Protein backbone atom coordinates (compact mmCIF):
# COMPACT_ATOMS: atom_id res chain seq x y z
CA MET A 1 -33.99 133.24 -85.33
CA PRO A 2 -36.20 134.66 -87.91
CA ILE A 3 -39.28 132.68 -87.11
CA LEU A 4 -39.72 134.44 -83.61
CA ASP A 5 -40.39 138.23 -83.01
CA PRO A 6 -38.62 140.01 -79.95
CA GLY A 7 -41.37 139.04 -77.66
CA GLY A 8 -41.00 135.31 -78.63
CA ASN A 9 -44.01 135.09 -80.78
CA LEU A 10 -44.21 133.22 -83.94
CA VAL A 11 -44.06 135.20 -87.15
CA MET A 12 -46.05 133.82 -89.74
CA GLY A 13 -44.81 133.72 -93.63
CA LEU A 14 -41.79 132.94 -95.65
CA HIS A 15 -38.60 134.17 -94.15
CA PRO A 16 -35.12 134.04 -96.05
CA PHE A 17 -32.70 131.93 -94.25
CA LYS A 18 -29.68 131.01 -96.36
CA ASP A 19 -26.58 128.84 -96.43
CA LYS A 20 -26.97 126.43 -93.40
CA ARG A 21 -26.24 122.97 -94.74
CA ILE A 22 -28.49 120.16 -93.58
CA ALA A 23 -27.22 116.60 -93.56
CA SER A 24 -29.30 114.88 -90.85
CA PRO A 25 -32.01 115.53 -88.35
CA ARG A 26 -29.54 116.58 -85.82
CA ASP A 27 -28.52 119.58 -88.14
CA THR A 28 -31.92 121.18 -87.67
CA LYS A 29 -31.45 121.79 -83.99
CA PHE A 30 -31.34 125.45 -84.48
CA LEU A 31 -35.21 125.21 -85.03
CA TRP A 32 -35.85 123.03 -81.88
CA GLY A 33 -35.09 125.95 -79.26
CA PRO A 34 -37.57 128.26 -80.82
CA MET A 35 -40.12 125.63 -81.39
CA ARG A 36 -39.93 124.38 -77.88
CA GLN A 37 -40.72 127.89 -76.54
CA LEU A 38 -44.22 127.80 -78.54
CA THR A 39 -47.36 127.05 -76.52
CA ARG A 40 -49.34 126.55 -79.60
CA GLU A 41 -48.75 123.68 -82.10
CA SER A 42 -47.19 125.05 -85.23
CA PHE A 43 -46.21 123.90 -88.49
CA ILE A 44 -42.93 125.02 -90.23
CA ALA A 45 -41.11 124.01 -93.27
CA LEU A 46 -37.55 124.38 -94.21
CA ILE A 47 -36.84 124.77 -97.74
CA LEU A 48 -33.33 123.44 -99.18
CA ASP A 49 -31.64 123.75 -102.57
CA ILE A 50 -30.11 120.92 -104.42
CA ASP A 51 -26.89 121.01 -102.30
CA TYR A 52 -28.87 120.74 -99.06
CA HIS A 53 -28.38 124.52 -98.20
CA THR A 54 -31.14 126.30 -96.72
CA LEU A 55 -33.27 128.62 -98.77
CA GLY A 56 -35.86 129.69 -96.38
CA ILE A 57 -38.16 128.93 -93.44
CA ASP A 58 -41.89 128.89 -93.95
CA VAL A 59 -44.10 129.32 -90.86
CA LEU A 60 -47.22 127.91 -92.14
CA SER A 61 -49.56 127.70 -89.19
CA SER A 62 -50.15 128.21 -85.51
CA GLY A 63 -53.09 126.56 -83.91
CA SER A 64 -54.11 125.48 -80.62
CA ALA A 65 -52.26 123.65 -77.79
CA GLU A 66 -53.01 120.53 -79.33
CA GLU A 67 -53.45 120.92 -83.20
CA THR A 68 -52.74 122.99 -86.13
CA SER A 69 -53.69 122.94 -89.70
CA PHE A 70 -52.60 124.47 -93.06
CA LYS A 71 -53.15 124.14 -96.77
CA PRO A 72 -50.40 121.98 -98.34
CA SER A 73 -50.52 124.04 -101.34
CA ASP A 74 -49.07 126.89 -99.27
CA LEU A 75 -46.02 124.55 -98.55
CA PHE A 76 -45.50 123.91 -102.29
CA ARG A 77 -45.98 127.58 -103.13
CA SER A 78 -42.85 128.66 -101.04
CA ALA A 79 -40.80 125.71 -102.10
CA ILE A 80 -41.53 126.61 -105.84
CA SER A 81 -40.98 130.42 -105.27
CA LEU A 82 -37.47 129.82 -103.65
CA ASP A 83 -36.62 127.06 -106.36
CA GLY A 84 -36.30 124.38 -103.60
CA ALA A 85 -35.43 120.80 -104.18
CA PHE A 86 -36.02 119.52 -100.68
CA ILE A 87 -38.62 120.00 -97.85
CA LEU A 88 -38.03 119.27 -94.12
CA ALA A 89 -41.42 119.57 -92.39
CA PHE A 90 -41.52 120.38 -88.62
CA HIS A 91 -44.23 120.60 -85.98
CA ASN A 92 -44.12 120.70 -82.40
CA HIS A 93 -46.13 119.00 -79.43
CA PRO A 94 -45.92 121.65 -76.82
CA SER A 95 -47.44 119.57 -74.12
CA GLU A 96 -45.24 116.58 -74.60
CA ARG A 97 -41.88 115.58 -73.20
CA LEU A 98 -41.57 112.34 -75.02
CA VAL A 99 -43.05 112.61 -78.65
CA TYR A 100 -45.09 110.11 -80.23
CA PRO A 101 -46.75 110.74 -83.66
CA SER A 102 -50.70 110.62 -83.74
CA LYS A 103 -52.58 108.99 -86.41
CA GLY A 104 -53.40 112.45 -87.99
CA ASP A 105 -49.58 113.18 -87.99
CA THR A 106 -48.72 109.88 -89.88
CA GLU A 107 -51.60 110.62 -92.23
CA LEU A 108 -50.32 114.10 -92.86
CA THR A 109 -46.81 113.13 -93.60
CA LYS A 110 -47.87 110.39 -96.01
CA SER A 111 -50.11 112.90 -97.75
CA ILE A 112 -47.21 115.36 -98.01
CA SER A 113 -44.83 112.78 -99.19
CA GLN A 114 -47.27 111.97 -102.19
CA MET A 115 -47.81 115.67 -103.13
CA CYS A 116 -44.01 115.74 -103.15
CA ASP A 117 -43.59 113.02 -105.46
CA ILE A 118 -46.29 114.49 -107.70
CA MET A 119 -44.34 117.88 -107.57
CA LYS A 120 -40.83 116.44 -107.92
CA ILE A 121 -39.85 118.18 -104.70
CA HIS A 122 -38.41 115.78 -102.12
CA LEU A 123 -39.71 115.42 -98.55
CA LEU A 124 -36.43 114.76 -96.75
CA ASP A 125 -38.04 114.11 -93.26
CA HIS A 126 -40.96 115.26 -90.86
CA ILE A 127 -39.79 116.12 -87.34
CA ILE A 128 -41.95 116.41 -84.60
CA ILE A 129 -40.51 118.51 -81.54
CA GLY A 130 -41.56 117.97 -78.02
CA SER A 131 -40.39 119.88 -74.93
CA LYS A 132 -37.46 117.44 -74.26
CA ASP A 133 -37.50 114.94 -77.30
CA TYR A 134 -38.10 114.72 -80.98
CA TYR A 135 -39.37 112.24 -83.50
CA SER A 136 -37.94 111.94 -86.81
CA TYR A 137 -40.19 109.90 -89.46
CA MET A 138 -37.18 109.24 -91.64
CA SER A 139 -35.02 107.85 -88.73
CA HIS A 140 -37.78 105.51 -88.04
CA GLY A 141 -38.06 104.41 -91.67
CA LEU A 142 -41.67 106.02 -92.26
CA VAL A 143 -40.32 108.64 -94.68
CA VAL A 144 -38.17 107.14 -97.54
CA THR A 145 -35.68 109.69 -98.86
CA ARG A 146 -33.89 109.24 -102.00
CA SER A 147 -31.12 111.19 -100.63
CA ARG A 148 -27.90 109.76 -99.76
CA LYS A 149 -26.61 113.12 -98.42
CA TYR A 150 -29.42 113.53 -95.63
CA VAL A 151 -28.71 110.50 -93.41
CA SER A 152 -30.73 109.37 -90.43
CA THR A 153 -29.26 109.53 -86.75
CA ALA A 154 -29.75 105.77 -86.83
CA ALA A 155 -27.51 105.45 -89.75
CA ARG A 156 -24.76 107.36 -88.29
CA GLY A 157 -24.86 105.26 -85.15
CA ARG A 158 -27.15 105.86 -82.39
CA SER A 159 -25.94 105.53 -78.91
CA HIS A 160 -26.68 102.61 -76.61
CA ARG A 161 -28.65 105.07 -74.49
CA ALA A 162 -30.85 106.10 -77.46
CA ARG A 163 -31.52 102.66 -78.44
CA THR A 164 -32.44 101.51 -74.92
CA LEU A 165 -34.70 104.49 -74.59
CA ALA A 166 -36.45 103.56 -77.81
CA LYS A 167 -37.01 100.08 -76.71
CA LYS A 168 -38.53 101.20 -73.47
CA ARG A 169 -40.89 103.58 -75.23
CA SER A 170 -42.09 101.10 -77.56
CA THR A 171 -42.67 98.49 -74.82
CA LEU A 172 -44.55 101.09 -72.68
CA ARG A 173 -46.60 102.10 -75.61
CA THR A 174 -47.64 98.71 -77.11
CA GLY A 175 -46.65 96.13 -74.37
CA HIS A 176 -44.51 94.41 -76.79
CA SER A 177 -40.65 94.45 -77.57
CA GLU A 178 -39.58 96.41 -80.52
CA GLU A 179 -38.87 93.16 -82.48
CA ARG A 180 -42.61 92.06 -82.10
CA VAL A 181 -43.89 95.31 -83.57
CA GLY A 182 -41.28 95.63 -86.35
CA LEU A 183 -39.53 98.69 -85.33
CA ARG A 184 -35.70 99.06 -86.00
CA THR A 185 -33.35 100.22 -83.16
CA HIS A 186 -30.19 100.34 -85.31
């Protein structure tokens, strides 16, 4: 994996990474292992062409164990330099087994999505990776993609176990069932 050096440290910057087709959040699993190894929160973008093939991976930031920051202009600079049509955003929560986005994560996602609309580069998803779990904004209906080729795990048919686990998480977090807080489980 081009984002880690032989010692397992994150290598900042833009890395060419060609020809892997991405059609769903699960197609990005090749990034999850390296991101789960990191002890600091990091932000990475996968740049795709119009046919959903990878053009490059941009390692934008590596922060502390609980936060990271970067300039969104750097994200778009990479996408433009590679003539990218789509962006998949990733960051990790190194200390969390089960992943829940923070208010800051959601605000960042909305901000990136709005900037993508202006730049005419589509945000397909923002995926948060924990030590044992992941959270896809698109799969939860919080990033609306115009793409019919990039499909959420939910649209492909989540397993009964995944739906049950999602209900339990929502109930634990809010004290209400998913139907009461408006989350979809299909």
